[in-house]
Each structure stands twice: as structure tokens, then as C-alpha cells.
Amino acid sequence: MARCAARRADENDIEQMKILMEKLIKTTDSGKLQQLDFEFFRQLALASKNIVYILLMNTIKTIHDRHLNLFLPLSTSLSTTLQQEILQAVIDGDEETAAQKARAFLQTGIELLKYLKFD
């Protein structure tokens, strides 16, 4: 998805991601942080211009919003560094870096999920 976004994002897509990133960096509320983080990746899907990614993110959004409380513990450890690097790669049109940083973000999320306890 990030690779496609780096290839296909237009000025409007990039502007929307920049606005989200600015909000993401400034927020301290864990619920808002989690929602903005998800919205950043949904915008990345839109920028990819790939209908499969867009539909997938829309489907996941329903689940994410319904179960936001399960994701809140991740927000306490959420750094925006990788998202900022993904955005910069998209701005630069650097497909490989965008893909690499997105993979690193997903791996970080997987590692954090290992330590969550779902009661």
C-alpha cells in the first residue's frame, strides 16, 4: 500500500497526510492518537489509488472503531517516527523506502500486540 502511495499520491493526498501527521504529532489523548494513526493509514490507502486497499481499510475501520478500547494500550507506546518516515517517502516518491518503513511499522505493531492482555 505504501509503495503504491509513493508512486501514485497526488498533491491533495499528500496535503491530507500532512494535516493528519501534524495532528498526530500534537495529540496526547490516547483515543484520539489511535484514531488519527488509523486515519493516516486509511489516507495512505486512498493515496495508493488501489480499490482493494481502500475497501480493506474501510472494512478494518469498522472493526477498529468498534473495538477501539483494545487498541488503546498500543497508543501509550506509539511513536510517530515511522509514520513520518513513510510520509516523507511518499512525498519523495520513494517507493522502496515507503514499503520498508511500512513493514517496520507493522512489525513494531506485531511486537507490541504480543504483550497485550485481552481479558
PDB file of N, CA and C in Angstrom:
ATOM      1  N   MET A   1       0.827  -1.183   0.000  1.00  0.00           N
ATOM      2  CA  MET A   1       0.000   0.000   0.000  1.00  0.00           C
ATOM      3  C   MET A   1       0.876   1.254   0.000  1.00  0.00           C
ATOM      4  N   ALA A   2       1.885   1.268   0.862  1.00  0.00           N
ATOM      5  CA  ALA A   2       2.778   2.432   0.942  1.00  0.00           C
ATOM      6  C   ALA A   2       3.561   2.611  -0.358  1.00  0.00           C
ATOM      7  N   ARG A   3       3.973   1.495  -0.941  1.00  0.00           N
ATOM      8  CA  ARG A   3       4.693   1.556  -2.218  1.00  0.00           C
ATOM      9  C   ARG A   3       3.810   2.199  -3.294  1.00  0.00           C
ATOM     10  N   CYS A   4       2.565   1.772  -3.367  1.00  0.00           N
ATOM     11  CA  CYS A   4       1.632   2.331  -4.353  1.00  0.00           C
ATOM     12  C   CYS A   4       1.358   3.805  -4.072  1.00  0.00           C
ATOM     13  N   ALA A   5       1.238   4.158  -2.801  1.00  0.00           N
ATOM     14  CA  ALA A   5       1.003   5.556  -2.451  1.00  0.00           C
ATOM     15  C   ALA A   5       2.189   6.426  -2.879  1.00  0.00           C
ATOM     16  N   ALA A   6       3.405   5.924  -2.686  1.00  0.00           N
ATOM     17  CA  ALA A   6       4.589   6.688  -3.105  1.00  0.00           C
ATOM     18  C   ALA A   6       4.606   6.886  -4.611  1.00  0.00           C
ATOM     19  N   ARG A   7       4.062   5.942  -5.330  1.00  0.00           N
ATOM     20  CA  ARG A   7       4.023   6.016  -6.790  1.00  0.00           C
ATOM     21  C   ARG A   7       2.876   6.901  -7.286  1.00  0.00           C
ATOM     22  N   ARG A   8       1.730   6.872  -6.580  1.00  0.00           N
ATOM     23  CA  ARG A   8       0.509   7.452  -7.139  1.00  0.00           C
ATOM     24  C   ARG A   8      -0.065   8.659  -6.409  1.00  0.00           C
ATOM     25  N   ALA A   9       0.443   8.990  -5.250  1.00  0.00           N
ATOM     26  CA  ALA A   9      -0.143  10.089  -4.478  1.00  0.00           C
ATOM     27  C   ALA A   9      -0.074  11.402  -5.247  1.00  0.00           C
ATOM     28  N   ASP A  10      -1.175  12.133  -5.205  1.00  0.00           N
ATOM     29  CA  ASP A  10      -1.182  13.460  -5.817  1.00  0.00           C
ATOM     30  C   ASP A  10      -1.026  14.514  -4.710  1.00  0.00           C
ATOM     31  N   GLU A  11      -1.024  15.767  -5.104  1.00  0.00           N
ATOM     32  CA  GLU A  11      -0.806  16.851  -4.136  1.00  0.00           C
ATOM     33  C   GLU A  11      -1.865  16.857  -3.041  1.00  0.00           C
ATOM     34  N   ASN A  12      -3.110  16.589  -3.394  1.00  0.00           N
ATOM     35  CA  ASN A  12      -4.185  16.571  -2.408  1.00  0.00           C
ATOM     36  C   ASN A  12      -3.968  15.454  -1.386  1.00  0.00           C
ATOM     37  N   ASP A  13      -3.583  14.272  -1.863  1.00  0.00           N
ATOM     38  CA  ASP A  13      -3.308  13.152  -0.953  1.00  0.00           C
ATOM     39  C   ASP A  13      -2.212  13.522   0.035  1.00  0.00           C
ATOM     40  N   ILE A  14      -1.153  14.089  -0.478  1.00  0.00           N
ATOM     41  CA  ILE A  14      -0.014  14.466   0.366  1.00  0.00           C
ATOM     42  C   ILE A  14      -0.423  15.534   1.371  1.00  0.00           C
ATOM     43  N   GLU A  15      -1.211  16.500   0.927  1.00  0.00           N
ATOM     44  CA  GLU A  15      -1.666  17.554   1.844  1.00  0.00           C
ATOM     45  C   GLU A  15      -2.524  16.970   2.964  1.00  0.00           C
ATOM     46  N   GLN A  16      -3.403  16.044   2.628  1.00  0.00           N
ATOM     47  CA  GLN A  16      -4.241  15.404   3.643  1.00  0.00           C
ATOM     48  C   GLN A  16      -3.388  14.623   4.644  1.00  0.00           C
ATOM     49  N   MET A  17      -2.380  13.916   4.155  1.00  0.00           N
ATOM     50  CA  MET A  17      -1.498  13.165   5.056  1.00  0.00           C
ATOM     51  C   MET A  17      -0.680  14.103   5.937  1.00  0.00           C
ATOM     52  N   LYS A  18      -0.258  15.233   5.398  1.00  0.00           N
ATOM     53  CA  LYS A  18       0.485  16.217   6.192  1.00  0.00           C
ATOM     54  C   LYS A  18      -0.388  16.773   7.315  1.00  0.00           C
ATOM     55  N   ILE A  19      -1.633  17.064   7.014  1.00  0.00           N
ATOM     56  CA  ILE A  19      -2.563  17.584   8.027  1.00  0.00           C
ATOM     57  C   ILE A  19      -2.760  16.547   9.126  1.00  0.00           C
ATOM     58  N   LEU A  20      -2.973  15.292   8.725  1.00  0.00           N
ATOM     59  CA  LEU A  20      -3.131  14.222   9.714  1.00  0.00           C
ATOM     60  C   LEU A  20      -1.872  14.049  10.551  1.00  0.00           C
ATOM     61  N   MET A  21      -0.722  14.129   9.911  1.00  0.00           N
ATOM     62  CA  MET A  21       0.536  13.955  10.633  1.00  0.00           C
ATOM     63  C   MET A  21       0.726  15.058  11.667  1.00  0.00           C
ATOM     64  N   GLU A  22       0.395  16.273  11.290  1.00  0.00           N
ATOM     65  CA  GLU A  22       0.525  17.386  12.232  1.00  0.00           C
ATOM     66  C   GLU A  22      -0.359  17.149  13.456  1.00  0.00           C
ATOM     67  N   LYS A  23      -1.577  16.707  13.236  1.00  0.00           N
ATOM     68  CA  LYS A  23      -2.489  16.405  14.342  1.00  0.00           C
ATOM     69  C   LYS A  23      -1.971  15.228  15.162  1.00  0.00           C
ATOM     70  N   LEU A  24      -1.453  14.223  14.473  1.00  0.00           N
ATOM     71  CA  LEU A  24      -0.940  13.018  15.131  1.00  0.00           C
ATOM     72  C   LEU A  24       0.220  13.360  16.061  1.00  0.00           C
ATOM     73  N   ILE A  25       1.103  14.212  15.612  1.00  0.00           N
ATOM     74  CA  ILE A  25       2.269  14.609  16.407  1.00  0.00           C
ATOM     75  C   ILE A  25       1.854  15.405  17.644  1.00  0.00           C
ATOM     76  N   LYS A  26       0.840  16.239  17.495  1.00  0.00           N
ATOM     77  CA  LYS A  26       0.439  17.148  18.582  1.00  0.00           C
ATOM     78  C   LYS A  26      -0.456  16.514  19.630  1.00  0.00           C
ATOM     79  N   THR A  27      -1.179  15.456  19.295  1.00  0.00           N
ATOM     80  CA  THR A  27      -2.166  14.932  20.239  1.00  0.00           C
ATOM     81  C   THR A  27      -1.521  14.126  21.359  1.00  0.00           C
ATOM     82  N   THR A  28      -2.131  14.211  22.518  1.00  0.00           N
ATOM     83  CA  THR A  28      -1.674  13.435  23.670  1.00  0.00           C
ATOM     84  C   THR A  28      -2.759  12.487  24.169  1.00  0.00           C
ATOM     85  N   ASP A  29      -3.987  12.654  23.704  1.00  0.00           N
ATOM     86  CA  ASP A  29      -5.094  11.794  24.086  1.00  0.00           C
ATOM     87  C   ASP A  29      -4.955  10.450  23.372  1.00  0.00           C
ATOM     88  N   SER A  30      -4.911   9.361  24.154  1.00  0.00           N
ATOM     89  CA  SER A  30      -4.638   8.038  23.568  1.00  0.00           C
ATOM     90  C   SER A  30      -5.715   7.602  22.577  1.00  0.00           C
ATOM     91  N   GLY A  31      -6.972   7.896  22.856  1.00  0.00           N
ATOM     92  CA  GLY A  31      -8.037   7.523  21.930  1.00  0.00           C
ATOM     93  C   GLY A  31      -7.933   8.282  20.622  1.00  0.00           C
ATOM     94  N   LYS A  32      -7.703   9.572  20.726  1.00  0.00           N
ATOM     95  CA  LYS A  32      -7.553  10.410  19.529  1.00  0.00           C
ATOM     96  C   LYS A  32      -6.306  10.002  18.753  1.00  0.00           C
ATOM     97  N   LEU A  33      -5.241   9.701  19.467  1.00  0.00           N
ATOM     98  CA  LEU A  33      -3.996   9.266  18.839  1.00  0.00           C
ATOM     99  C   LEU A  33      -4.218   7.996  18.020  1.00  0.00           C
ATOM    100  N   GLN A  34      -4.926   7.054  18.600  1.00  0.00           N
ATOM    101  CA  GLN A  34      -5.196   5.797  17.907  1.00  0.00           C
ATOM    102  C   GLN A  34      -6.056   6.028  16.659  1.00  0.00           C
ATOM    103  N   GLN A  35      -7.045   6.901  16.771  1.00  0.00           N
ATOM    104  CA  GLN A  35      -7.901   7.197  15.622  1.00  0.00           C
ATOM    105  C   GLN A  35      -7.145   7.938  14.524  1.00  0.00           C
ATOM    106  N   LEU A  36      -6.320   8.888  14.910  1.00  0.00           N
ATOM    107  CA  LEU A  36      -5.540   9.622  13.912  1.00  0.00           C
ATOM    108  C   LEU A  36      -4.520   8.721  13.224  1.00  0.00           C
ATOM    109  N   ASP A  37      -3.914   7.832  13.995  1.00  0.00           N
ATOM    110  CA  ASP A  37      -2.973   6.889  13.418  1.00  0.00           C
ATOM    111  C   ASP A  37      -3.669   6.023  12.368  1.00  0.00           C
ATOM    112  N   PHE A  38      -4.846   5.506  12.713  1.00  0.00           N
ATOM    113  CA  PHE A  38      -5.576   4.702  11.754  1.00  0.00           C
ATOM    114  C   PHE A  38      -5.947   5.542  10.532  1.00  0.00           C
ATOM    115  N   GLU A  39      -6.396   6.764  10.767  1.00  0.00           N
ATOM    116  CA  GLU A  39      -6.804   7.636   9.660  1.00  0.00           C
ATOM    117  C   GLU A  39      -5.627   7.937   8.735  1.00  0.00           C
ATOM    118  N   PHE A  40      -4.435   8.064   9.300  1.00  0.00           N
ATOM    119  CA  PHE A  40      -3.250   8.273   8.459  1.00  0.00           C
ATOM    120  C   PHE A  40      -3.075   7.108   7.485  1.00  0.00           C
ATOM    121  N   PHE A  41      -3.216   5.891   7.993  1.00  0.00           N
ATOM    122  CA  PHE A  41      -3.045   4.724   7.124  1.00  0.00           C
ATOM    123  C   PHE A  41      -4.219   4.550   6.158  1.00  0.00           C
ATOM    124  N   ARG A  42      -5.403   4.993   6.560  1.00  0.00           N
ATOM    125  CA  ARG A  42      -6.533   4.976   5.627  1.00  0.00           C
ATOM    126  C   ARG A  42      -6.277   5.970   4.492  1.00  0.00           C
ATOM    127  N   GLN A  43      -5.718   7.113   4.842  1.00  0.00           N
ATOM    128  CA  GLN A  43      -5.374   8.103   3.812  1.00  0.00           C
ATOM    129  C   GLN A  43      -4.265   7.576   2.899  1.00  0.00           C
ATOM    130  N   LEU A  44      -3.359   6.817   3.467  1.00  0.00           N
ATOM    131  CA  LEU A  44      -2.314   6.179   2.655  1.00  0.00           C
ATOM    132  C   LEU A  44      -2.951   5.228   1.644  1.00  0.00           C
ATOM    133  N   ALA A  45      -3.969   4.501   2.076  1.00  0.00           N
ATOM    134  CA  ALA A  45      -4.694   3.605   1.159  1.00  0.00           C
ATOM    135  C   ALA A  45      -5.363   4.408   0.045  1.00  0.00           C
ATOM    136  N   LEU A  46      -5.985   5.516   0.415  1.00  0.00           N
ATOM    137  CA  LEU A  46      -6.616   6.360  -0.601  1.00  0.00           C
ATOM    138  C   LEU A  46      -5.577   6.870  -1.601  1.00  0.00           C
ATOM    139  N   ALA A  47      -4.411   7.241  -1.091  1.00  0.00           N
ATOM    140  CA  ALA A  47      -3.341   7.742  -1.957  1.00  0.00           C
ATOM    141  C   ALA A  47      -2.798   6.659  -2.888  1.00  0.00           C
ATOM    142  N   SER A  48      -2.946   5.407  -2.483  1.00  0.00           N
ATOM    143  CA  SER A  48      -2.457   4.304  -3.322  1.00  0.00           C
ATOM    144  C   SER A  48      -3.271   4.151  -4.591  1.00  0.00           C
ATOM    145  N   LYS A  49      -4.506   4.667  -4.556  1.00  0.00           N
ATOM    146  CA  LYS A  49      -5.432   4.577  -5.694  1.00  0.00           C
ATOM    147  C   LYS A  49      -5.774   3.124  -6.021  1.00  0.00           C
ATOM    148  N   ASN A  50      -5.592   2.244  -5.053  1.00  0.00           N
ATOM    149  CA  ASN A  50      -5.889   0.823  -5.243  1.00  0.00           C
ATOM    150  C   ASN A  50      -7.188   0.518  -4.499  1.00  0.00           C
ATOM    151  N   ILE A  51      -8.222   0.168  -5.225  1.00  0.00           N
ATOM    152  CA  ILE A  51      -9.542  -0.031  -4.629  1.00  0.00           C
ATOM    153  C   ILE A  51      -9.539  -1.145  -3.582  1.00  0.00           C
ATOM    154  N   VAL A  52      -8.711  -2.158  -3.771  1.00  0.00           N
ATOM    155  CA  VAL A  52      -8.653  -3.252  -2.795  1.00  0.00           C
ATOM    156  C   VAL A  52      -8.148  -2.734  -1.452  1.00  0.00           C
ATOM    157  N   TYR A  53      -7.086  -1.939  -1.456  1.00  0.00           N
ATOM    158  CA  TYR A  53      -6.560  -1.375  -0.213  1.00  0.00           C
ATOM    159  C   TYR A  53      -7.586  -0.448   0.439  1.00  0.00           C
ATOM    160  N   ILE A  54      -8.259   0.339  -0.380  1.00  0.00           N
ATOM    161  CA  ILE A  54      -9.243   1.284   0.138  1.00  0.00           C
ATOM    162  C   ILE A  54     -10.397   0.531   0.799  1.00  0.00           C
ATOM    163  N   LEU A  55     -10.929  -0.468   0.129  1.00  0.00           N
ATOM    164  CA  LEU A  55     -12.030  -1.250   0.688  1.00  0.00           C
ATOM    165  C   LEU A  55     -11.600  -2.011   1.941  1.00  0.00           C
ATOM    166  N   LEU A  56     -10.395  -2.536   1.915  1.00  0.00           N
ATOM    167  CA  LEU A  56      -9.875  -3.259   3.072  1.00  0.00           C
ATOM    168  C   LEU A  56      -9.764  -2.328   4.286  1.00  0.00           C
ATOM    169  N   MET A  57      -9.225  -1.145   4.089  1.00  0.00           N
ATOM    170  CA  MET A  57      -9.090  -0.204   5.198  1.00  0.00           C
ATOM    171  C   MET A  57     -10.453   0.255   5.704  1.00  0.00           C
ATOM    172  N   ASN A  58     -11.414   0.430   4.809  1.00  0.00           N
ATOM    173  CA  ASN A  58     -12.766   0.802   5.238  1.00  0.00           C
ATOM    174  C   ASN A  58     -13.387  -0.301   6.085  1.00  0.00           C
ATOM    175  N   THR A  59     -13.144  -1.538   5.716  1.00  0.00           N
ATOM    176  CA  THR A  59     -13.659  -2.669   6.490  1.00  0.00           C
ATOM    177  C   THR A  59     -12.981  -2.737   7.855  1.00  0.00           C
ATOM    178  N   ILE A  60     -11.671  -2.597   7.859  1.00  0.00           N
ATOM    179  CA  ILE A  60     -10.925  -2.643   9.111  1.00  0.00           C
ATOM    180  C   ILE A  60     -11.326  -1.484  10.014  1.00  0.00           C
ATOM    181  N   LYS A  61     -11.643  -0.329   9.435  1.00  0.00           N
ATOM    182  CA  LYS A  61     -12.041   0.834  10.229  1.00  0.00           C
ATOM    183  C   LYS A  61     -13.273   0.526  11.079  1.00  0.00           C
ATOM    184  N   THR A  62     -14.216  -0.188  10.527  1.00  0.00           N
ATOM    185  CA  THR A  62     -15.415  -0.558  11.277  1.00  0.00           C
ATOM    186  C   THR A  62     -15.040  -1.373  12.511  1.00  0.00           C
ATOM    187  N   ILE A  63     -14.162  -2.340  12.327  1.00  0.00           N
ATOM    188  CA  ILE A  63     -13.705  -3.180  13.437  1.00  0.00           C
ATOM    189  C   ILE A  63     -12.896  -2.348  14.426  1.00  0.00           C
ATOM    190  N   HIS A  64     -11.983  -1.552  13.909  1.00  0.00           N
ATOM    191  CA  HIS A  64     -11.126  -0.705  14.742  1.00  0.00           C
ATOM    192  C   HIS A  64     -11.961   0.222  15.616  1.00  0.00           C
ATOM    193  N   ASP A  65     -12.918   0.910  15.017  1.00  0.00           N
ATOM    194  CA  ASP A  65     -13.733   1.857  15.772  1.00  0.00           C
ATOM    195  C   ASP A  65     -14.598   1.156  16.817  1.00  0.00           C
ATOM    196  N   ARG A  66     -15.118   0.001  16.470  1.00  0.00           N
ATOM    197  CA  ARG A  66     -15.978  -0.735  17.386  1.00  0.00           C
ATOM    198  C   ARG A  66     -15.196  -1.259  18.589  1.00  0.00           C
ATOM    199  N   HIS A  67     -13.920  -1.560  18.390  1.00  0.00           N
ATOM    200  CA  HIS A  67     -13.097  -2.155  19.446  1.00  0.00           C
ATOM    201  C   HIS A  67     -11.898  -1.266  19.796  1.00  0.00           C
ATOM    202  N   LEU A  68     -12.092   0.025  19.720  1.00  0.00           N
ATOM    203  CA  LEU A  68     -11.009   0.979  19.962  1.00  0.00           C
ATOM    204  C   LEU A  68     -10.336   0.748  21.309  1.00  0.00           C
ATOM    205  N   ASN A  69     -11.118   0.379  22.313  1.00  0.00           N
ATOM    206  CA  ASN A  69     -10.549   0.167  23.651  1.00  0.00           C
ATOM    207  C   ASN A  69      -9.459  -0.901  23.660  1.00  0.00           C
ATOM    208  N   LEU A  70      -9.531  -1.868  22.754  1.00  0.00           N
ATOM    209  CA  LEU A  70      -8.493  -2.907  22.686  1.00  0.00           C
ATOM    210  C   LEU A  70      -7.170  -2.354  22.159  1.00  0.00           C
ATOM    211  N   PHE A  71      -7.253  -1.295  21.365  1.00  0.00           N
ATOM    212  CA  PHE A  71      -6.060  -0.727  20.754  1.00  0.00           C
ATOM    213  C   PHE A  71      -5.419   0.373  21.603  1.00  0.00           C
ATOM    214  N   LEU A  72      -6.141   0.870  22.592  1.00  0.00           N
ATOM    215  CA  LEU A  72      -5.632   1.985  23.399  1.00  0.00           C
ATOM    216  C   LEU A  72      -4.297   1.693  24.078  1.00  0.00           C
ATOM    217  N   PRO A  73      -4.062   0.473  24.584  1.00  0.00           N
ATOM    218  CA  PRO A  73      -2.731   0.227  25.185  1.00  0.00           C
ATOM    219  C   PRO A  73      -1.580   0.433  24.197  1.00  0.00           C
ATOM    220  N   LEU A  74      -1.838   0.243  22.903  1.00  0.00           N
ATOM    221  CA  LEU A  74      -0.786   0.472  21.902  1.00  0.00           C
ATOM    222  C   LEU A  74      -0.435   1.952  21.815  1.00  0.00           C
ATOM    223  N   SER A  75      -1.400   2.814  22.100  1.00  0.00           N
ATOM    224  CA  SER A  75      -1.185   4.253  21.981  1.00  0.00           C
ATOM    225  C   SER A  75      -0.160   4.772  22.978  1.00  0.00           C
ATOM    226  N   THR A  76      -0.021   4.102  24.107  1.00  0.00           N
ATOM    227  CA  THR A  76       0.948   4.565  25.094  1.00  0.00           C
ATOM    228  C   THR A  76       2.383   4.389  24.604  1.00  0.00           C
ATOM    229  N   SER A  77       2.578   3.481  23.662  1.00  0.00           N
ATOM    230  CA  SER A  77       3.916   3.220  23.114  1.00  0.00           C
ATOM    231  C   SER A  77       4.072   3.750  21.697  1.00  0.00           C
ATOM    232  N   LEU A  78       3.069   4.482  21.217  1.00  0.00           N
ATOM    233  CA  LEU A  78       3.064   4.898  19.817  1.00  0.00           C
ATOM    234  C   LEU A  78       3.977   6.094  19.592  1.00  0.00           C
ATOM    235  N   SER A  79       4.967   5.888  18.758  1.00  0.00           N
ATOM    236  CA  SER A  79       5.829   6.959  18.291  1.00  0.00           C
ATOM    237  C   SER A  79       5.420   7.242  16.848  1.00  0.00           C
ATOM    238  N   THR A  80       5.510   8.476  16.428  1.00  0.00           N
ATOM    239  CA  THR A  80       5.125   8.809  15.059  1.00  0.00           C
ATOM    240  C   THR A  80       6.310   8.799  14.091  1.00  0.00           C
ATOM    241  N   THR A  81       7.458   8.374  14.562  1.00  0.00           N
ATOM    242  CA  THR A  81       8.656   8.427  13.728  1.00  0.00           C
ATOM    243  C   THR A  81       8.483   7.652  12.422  1.00  0.00           C
ATOM    244  N   LEU A  82       8.014   6.418  12.495  1.00  0.00           N
ATOM    245  CA  LEU A  82       7.873   5.628  11.273  1.00  0.00           C
ATOM    246  C   LEU A  82       6.801   6.203  10.345  1.00  0.00           C
ATOM    247  N   GLN A  83       5.708   6.701  10.916  1.00  0.00           N
ATOM    248  CA  GLN A  83       4.681   7.314  10.082  1.00  0.00           C
ATOM    249  C   GLN A  83       5.248   8.545   9.368  1.00  0.00           C
ATOM    250  N   GLN A  84       6.060   9.322  10.088  1.00  0.00           N
ATOM    251  CA  GLN A  84       6.687  10.497   9.470  1.00  0.00           C
ATOM    252  C   GLN A  84       7.627  10.069   8.338  1.00  0.00           C
ATOM    253  N   GLU A  85       8.340   8.986   8.549  1.00  0.00           N
ATOM    254  CA  GLU A  85       9.253   8.490   7.520  1.00  0.00           C
ATOM    255  C   GLU A  85       8.485   7.942   6.313  1.00  0.00           C
ATOM    256  N   ILE A  86       7.352   7.309   6.568  1.00  0.00           N
ATOM    257  CA  ILE A  86       6.504   6.834   5.460  1.00  0.00           C
ATOM    258  C   ILE A  86       6.011   8.033   4.660  1.00  0.00           C
ATOM    259  N   LEU A  87       5.519   9.040   5.377  1.00  0.00           N
ATOM    260  CA  LEU A  87       5.029  10.239   4.696  1.00  0.00           C
ATOM    261  C   LEU A  87       6.128  10.882   3.860  1.00  0.00           C
ATOM    262  N   GLN A  88       7.319  11.009   4.414  1.00  0.00           N
ATOM    263  CA  GLN A  88       8.414  11.625   3.662  1.00  0.00           C
ATOM    264  C   GLN A  88       8.743  10.802   2.417  1.00  0.00           C
ATOM    265  N   ALA A  89       8.709   9.490   2.534  1.00  0.00           N
ATOM    266  CA  ALA A  89       8.977   8.632   1.375  1.00  0.00           C
ATOM    267  C   ALA A  89       7.894   8.814   0.308  1.00  0.00           C
ATOM    268  N   VAL A  90       6.650   8.967   0.738  1.00  0.00           N
ATOM    269  CA  VAL A  90       5.564   9.219  -0.219  1.00  0.00           C
ATOM    270  C   VAL A  90       5.775  10.564  -0.906  1.00  0.00           C
ATOM    271  N   ILE A  91       6.099  11.586  -0.130  1.00  0.00           N
ATOM    272  CA  ILE A  91       6.365  12.912  -0.698  1.00  0.00           C
ATOM    273  C   ILE A  91       7.498  12.839  -1.713  1.00  0.00           C
ATOM    274  N   ASP A  92       8.547  12.069  -1.364  1.00  0.00           N
ATOM    275  CA  ASP A  92       9.720  11.937  -2.241  1.00  0.00           C
ATOM    276  C   ASP A  92       9.475  10.994  -3.422  1.00  0.00           C
ATOM    277  N   GLY A  93       8.363  10.264  -3.388  1.00  0.00           N
ATOM    278  CA  GLY A  93       8.104   9.277  -4.437  1.00  0.00           C
ATOM    279  C   GLY A  93       9.031   8.082  -4.326  1.00  0.00           C
ATOM    280  N   ASP A  94       9.543   7.820  -3.142  1.00  0.00           N
ATOM    281  CA  ASP A  94      10.496   6.736  -2.900  1.00  0.00           C
ATOM    282  C   ASP A  94       9.733   5.478  -2.481  1.00  0.00           C
ATOM    283  N   GLU A  95       9.381   4.682  -3.459  1.00  0.00           N
ATOM    284  CA  GLU A  95       8.550   3.503  -3.241  1.00  0.00           C
ATOM    285  C   GLU A  95       9.194   2.492  -2.306  1.00  0.00           C
ATOM    286  N   GLU A  96      10.470   2.239  -2.485  1.00  0.00           N
ATOM    287  CA  GLU A  96      11.148   1.230  -1.674  1.00  0.00           C
ATOM    288  C   GLU A  96      11.215   1.634  -0.204  1.00  0.00           C
ATOM    289  N   THR A  97      11.565   2.875   0.056  1.00  0.00           N
ATOM    290  CA  THR A  97      11.628   3.343   1.441  1.00  0.00           C
ATOM    291  C   THR A  97      10.241   3.344   2.068  1.00  0.00           C
ATOM    292  N   ALA A  98       9.237   3.765   1.324  1.00  0.00           N
ATOM    293  CA  ALA A  98       7.862   3.762   1.841  1.00  0.00           C
ATOM    294  C   ALA A  98       7.465   2.349   2.254  1.00  0.00           C
ATOM    295  N   ALA A  99       7.752   1.382   1.396  1.00  0.00           N
ATOM    296  CA  ALA A  99       7.416  -0.015   1.697  1.00  0.00           C
ATOM    297  C   ALA A  99       8.213  -0.516   2.898  1.00  0.00           C
ATOM    298  N   GLN A 100       9.487  -0.189   2.942  1.00  0.00           N
ATOM    299  CA  GLN A 100      10.355  -0.637   4.042  1.00  0.00           C
ATOM    300  C   GLN A 100       9.883  -0.066   5.383  1.00  0.00           C
ATOM    301  N   LYS A 101       9.554   1.212   5.410  1.00  0.00           N
ATOM    302  CA  LYS A 101       9.110   1.846   6.653  1.00  0.00           C
ATOM    303  C   LYS A 101       7.738   1.320   7.077  1.00  0.00           C
ATOM    304  N   ALA A 102       6.874   1.034   6.121  1.00  0.00           N
ATOM    305  CA  ALA A 102       5.563   0.470   6.443  1.00  0.00           C
ATOM    306  C   ALA A 102       5.718  -0.932   7.033  1.00  0.00           C
ATOM    307  N   ARG A 103       6.623  -1.721   6.472  1.00  0.00           N
ATOM    308  CA  ARG A 103       6.893  -3.056   7.032  1.00  0.00           C
ATOM    309  C   ARG A 103       7.421  -2.941   8.461  1.00  0.00           C
ATOM    310  N   ALA A 104       8.305  -1.989   8.695  1.00  0.00           N
ATOM    311  CA  ALA A 104       8.853  -1.785  10.039  1.00  0.00           C
ATOM    312  C   ALA A 104       7.746  -1.370  11.011  1.00  0.00           C
ATOM    313  N   PHE A 105       6.823  -0.531  10.553  1.00  0.00           N
ATOM    314  CA  PHE A 105       5.707  -0.120  11.401  1.00  0.00           C
ATOM    315  C   PHE A 105       4.843  -1.326  11.764  1.00  0.00           C
ATOM    316  N   LEU A 106       4.533  -2.149  10.785  1.00  0.00           N
ATOM    317  CA  LEU A 106       3.719  -3.342  11.047  1.00  0.00           C
ATOM    318  C   LEU A 106       4.431  -4.292  12.002  1.00  0.00           C
ATOM    319  N   GLN A 107       5.720  -4.466  11.833  1.00  0.00           N
ATOM    320  CA  GLN A 107       6.488  -5.355  12.716  1.00  0.00           C
ATOM    321  C   GLN A 107       6.477  -4.833  14.146  1.00  0.00           C
ATOM    322  N   THR A 108       6.603  -3.529  14.297  1.00  0.00           N
ATOM    323  CA  THR A 108       6.547  -2.921  15.625  1.00  0.00           C
ATOM    324  C   THR A 108       5.186  -3.185  16.266  1.00  0.00           C
ATOM    325  N   GLY A 109       4.122  -3.029  15.486  1.00  0.00           N
ATOM    326  CA  GLY A 109       2.775  -3.305  15.983  1.00  0.00           C
ATOM    327  C   GLY A 109       2.594  -4.748  16.395  1.00  0.00           C
ATOM    328  N   ILE A 110       3.137  -5.652  15.609  1.00  0.00           N
ATOM    329  CA  ILE A 110       3.052  -7.083  15.935  1.00  0.00           C
ATOM    330  C   ILE A 110       3.763  -7.359  17.256  1.00  0.00           C
ATOM    331  N   GLU A 111       4.924  -6.770  17.441  1.00  0.00           N
ATOM    332  CA  GLU A 111       5.679  -6.966  18.686  1.00  0.00           C
ATOM    333  C   GLU A 111       4.906  -6.415  19.886  1.00  0.00           C
ATOM    334  N   LEU A 112       4.287  -5.242  19.734  1.00  0.00           N
ATOM    335  CA  LEU A 112       3.506  -4.666  20.830  1.00  0.00           C
ATOM    336  C   LEU A 112       2.301  -5.529  21.172  1.00  0.00           C
ATOM    337  N   LEU A 113       1.665  -6.085  20.161  1.00  0.00           N
ATOM    338  CA  LEU A 113       0.486  -6.930  20.396  1.00  0.00           C
ATOM    339  C   LEU A 113       0.815  -8.168  21.226  1.00  0.00           C
ATOM    340  N   LYS A 114       2.027  -8.641  21.126  1.00  0.00           N
ATOM    341  CA  LYS A 114       2.432  -9.832  21.884  1.00  0.00           C
ATOM    342  C   LYS A 114       2.330  -9.598  23.388  1.00  0.00           C
ATOM    343  N   TYR A 115       2.455  -8.344  23.810  1.00  0.00           N
ATOM    344  CA  TYR A 115       2.487  -8.055  25.236  1.00  0.00           C
ATOM    345  C   TYR A 115       1.153  -7.566  25.789  1.00  0.00           C
ATOM    346  N   LEU A 116       0.157  -7.445  24.912  1.00  0.00           N
ATOM    347  CA  LEU A 116      -1.165  -7.040  25.379  1.00  0.00           C
ATOM    348  C   LEU A 116      -1.920  -8.231  25.936  1.00  0.00           C
ATOM    349  N   LYS A 117      -2.675  -7.959  26.940  1.00  0.00           N
ATOM    350  CA  LYS A 117      -3.524  -8.998  27.539  1.00  0.00           C
ATOM    351  C   LYS A 117      -4.965  -8.620  27.268  1.00  0.00           C
ATOM    352  N   PHE A 118      -5.665  -9.497  26.584  1.00  0.00           N
ATOM    353  CA  PHE A 118      -7.067  -9.278  26.270  1.00  0.00           C
ATOM    354  C   PHE A 118      -7.909 -10.111  27.224  1.00  0.00           C
ATOM    355  N   ASP A 119      -8.606  -9.427  28.122  1.00  0.00           N
ATOM    356  CA  ASP A 119      -9.438 -10.128  29.100  1.00  0.00           C
ATOM    357  C   ASP A 119     -10.849 -10.290  28.583  1.00  0.00           C
TER     358      ASP A 119
END
